[in-house]
Amino acid sequence: MTQNDKERITVEIHNKSYTIIGNEPASHVRLVASLVDQKMNEIESMNKHLDTTKLAVLTAVNTMNDYLKLKEEYASLLGSLKKKED
């Protein structure tokens, strides 16, 4: 797929517009942006004094933590399934 085939979607995250270029459907990109916005708002509500950079880093750290936990759970479930098959 070439650069010209990629879709451009403008989303709003934390009251700022971002243009995302990629192969994912627009609905998926909007969902991801919405979840990032929600997480940023959740973290900001706990500490109103964070600047945007710190807020973005904490959002990334929290999101990656959630991702790694889910990845570990997934691997554990796959291991359980494999044991049942054997």
C-alpha atoms as a PDB file:
ATOM      1  CA  MET A   1       0.000   0.000   0.000  1.00  0.00           C
ATOM      2  CA  THR A   2       1.398   3.395  -0.938  1.00  0.00           C
ATOM      3  CA  GLN A   3       1.220   6.657   0.965  1.00  0.00           C
ATOM      4  CA  ASN A   4      -1.562   7.769  -1.409  1.00  0.00           C
ATOM      5  CA  ASP A   5      -3.688   4.752  -0.440  1.00  0.00           C
ATOM      6  CA  LYS A   6      -3.601   5.606   3.243  1.00  0.00           C
ATOM      7  CA  GLU A   7      -6.549   7.305   4.848  1.00  0.00           C
ATOM      8  CA  ARG A   8      -6.316  10.654   6.633  1.00  0.00           C
ATOM      9  CA  ILE A   9      -8.592  11.070   9.647  1.00  0.00           C
ATOM     10  CA  THR A  10      -8.728  14.136  11.856  1.00  0.00           C
ATOM     11  CA  VAL A  11      -9.529  13.422  15.493  1.00  0.00           C
ATOM     12  CA  GLU A  12      -9.674  15.493  18.645  1.00  0.00           C
ATOM     13  CA  ILE A  13      -7.721  14.424  21.708  1.00  0.00           C
ATOM     14  CA  HIS A  14      -7.620  16.598  24.809  1.00  0.00           C
ATOM     15  CA  ASN A  15      -9.072  19.573  22.939  1.00  0.00           C
ATOM     16  CA  LYS A  16      -6.478  19.434  20.148  1.00  0.00           C
ATOM     17  CA  SER A  17      -6.908  18.228  16.581  1.00  0.00           C
ATOM     18  CA  TYR A  18      -4.615  15.565  15.179  1.00  0.00           C
ATOM     19  CA  THR A  19      -4.529  14.147  11.670  1.00  0.00           C
ATOM     20  CA  ILE A  20      -3.871  10.431  11.718  1.00  0.00           C
ATOM     21  CA  ILE A  21      -2.640   8.789   8.522  1.00  0.00           C
ATOM     22  CA  GLY A  22      -2.872   5.034   8.244  1.00  0.00           C
ATOM     23  CA  ASN A  23      -4.476   1.884   6.939  1.00  0.00           C
ATOM     24  CA  GLU A  24      -7.011   1.372   9.718  1.00  0.00           C
ATOM     25  CA  PRO A  25     -10.688   2.138   9.111  1.00  0.00           C
ATOM     26  CA  ALA A  26     -11.783   5.611  10.195  1.00  0.00           C
ATOM     27  CA  SER A  27     -14.130   4.122  12.799  1.00  0.00           C
ATOM     28  CA  HIS A  28     -11.217   2.299  14.431  1.00  0.00           C
ATOM     29  CA  VAL A  29      -9.022   5.414  14.500  1.00  0.00           C
ATOM     30  CA  ARG A  30     -11.870   7.438  16.013  1.00  0.00           C
ATOM     31  CA  LEU A  31     -12.422   4.769  18.675  1.00  0.00           C
ATOM     32  CA  VAL A  32      -8.733   4.724  19.587  1.00  0.00           C
ATOM     33  CA  ALA A  33      -8.646   8.528  19.753  1.00  0.00           C
ATOM     34  CA  SER A  34     -11.752   8.543  21.929  1.00  0.00           C
ATOM     35  CA  LEU A  35     -10.212   6.036  24.347  1.00  0.00           C
ATOM     36  CA  VAL A  36      -6.997   8.073  24.567  1.00  0.00           C
ATOM     37  CA  ASP A  37      -9.047  11.209  25.213  1.00  0.00           C
ATOM     38  CA  GLN A  38     -11.046   9.434  27.936  1.00  0.00           C
ATOM     39  CA  LYS A  39      -7.891   8.146  29.626  1.00  0.00           C
ATOM     40  CA  MET A  40      -6.281  11.605  29.522  1.00  0.00           C
ATOM     41  CA  ASN A  41      -9.416  13.140  31.055  1.00  0.00           C
ATOM     42  CA  GLU A  42      -9.497  10.429  33.738  1.00  0.00           C
ATOM     43  CA  ILE A  43      -5.871  11.051  34.713  1.00  0.00           C
ATOM     44  CA  GLU A  44      -6.297  14.825  34.554  1.00  0.00           C
ATOM     45  CA  SER A  45      -9.305  14.644  36.867  1.00  0.00           C
ATOM     46  CA  MET A  46      -7.015  13.131  39.525  1.00  0.00           C
ATOM     47  CA  ASN A  47      -4.372  15.849  39.103  1.00  0.00           C
ATOM     48  CA  LYS A  48      -5.471  19.134  37.529  1.00  0.00           C
ATOM     49  CA  HIS A  49      -1.932  20.546  37.710  1.00  0.00           C
ATOM     50  CA  LEU A  50      -0.355  18.260  35.096  1.00  0.00           C
ATOM     51  CA  ASP A  51       0.860  19.931  31.936  1.00  0.00           C
ATOM     52  CA  THR A  52      -0.069  18.332  28.614  1.00  0.00           C
ATOM     53  CA  THR A  53       3.295  16.597  28.179  1.00  0.00           C
ATOM     54  CA  LYS A  54       3.205  14.946  31.605  1.00  0.00           C
ATOM     55  CA  LEU A  55      -0.438  14.051  31.084  1.00  0.00           C
ATOM     56  CA  ALA A  56       0.389  12.424  27.735  1.00  0.00           C
ATOM     57  CA  VAL A  57       3.298  10.454  29.229  1.00  0.00           C
ATOM     58  CA  LEU A  58       1.188   9.227  32.153  1.00  0.00           C
ATOM     59  CA  THR A  59      -1.544   8.239  29.706  1.00  0.00           C
ATOM     60  CA  ALA A  60       0.979   6.284  27.635  1.00  0.00           C
ATOM     61  CA  VAL A  61       2.423   4.584  30.736  1.00  0.00           C
ATOM     62  CA  ASN A  62      -1.041   3.640  32.025  1.00  0.00           C
ATOM     63  CA  THR A  63      -2.112   2.366  28.611  1.00  0.00           C
ATOM     64  CA  MET A  64       1.046   0.298  28.149  1.00  0.00           C
ATOM     65  CA  ASN A  65       0.615  -1.140  31.644  1.00  0.00           C
ATOM     66  CA  ASP A  66      -2.945  -2.205  30.755  1.00  0.00           C
ATOM     67  CA  TYR A  67      -1.708  -3.653  27.458  1.00  0.00           C
ATOM     68  CA  LEU A  68       1.031  -5.720  29.118  1.00  0.00           C
ATOM     69  CA  LYS A  69      -1.398  -7.082  31.710  1.00  0.00           C
ATOM     70  CA  LEU A  70      -3.832  -8.117  28.970  1.00  0.00           C
ATOM     71  CA  LYS A  71      -1.002  -9.660  26.959  1.00  0.00           C
ATOM     72  CA  GLU A  72       0.068 -11.717  29.991  1.00  0.00           C
ATOM     73  CA  GLU A  73      -3.538 -12.816  30.611  1.00  0.00           C
ATOM     74  CA  TYR A  74      -3.860 -13.804  26.959  1.00  0.00           C
ATOM     75  CA  ALA A  75      -0.652 -15.850  27.080  1.00  0.00           C
ATOM     76  CA  SER A  76      -1.858 -17.548  30.251  1.00  0.00           C
ATOM     77  CA  LEU A  77      -5.214 -18.391  28.659  1.00  0.00           C
ATOM     78  CA  LEU A  78      -3.466 -19.797  25.591  1.00  0.00           C
ATOM     79  CA  GLY A  79      -1.276 -21.917  27.865  1.00  0.00           C
ATOM     80  CA  SER A  80      -4.366 -23.215  29.690  1.00  0.00           C
ATOM     81  CA  LEU A  81      -6.036 -24.079  26.407  1.00  0.00           C
ATOM     82  CA  LYS A  82      -2.942 -25.899  25.179  1.00  0.00           C
ATOM     83  CA  LYS A  83      -2.779 -27.958  28.388  1.00  0.00           C
ATOM     84  CA  LYS A  84      -6.425 -28.977  27.934  1.00  0.00           C
ATOM     85  CA  GLU A  85      -5.730 -30.044  24.345  1.00  0.00           C
ATOM     86  CA  ASP A  86      -2.791 -32.258  25.396  1.00  0.00           C
END
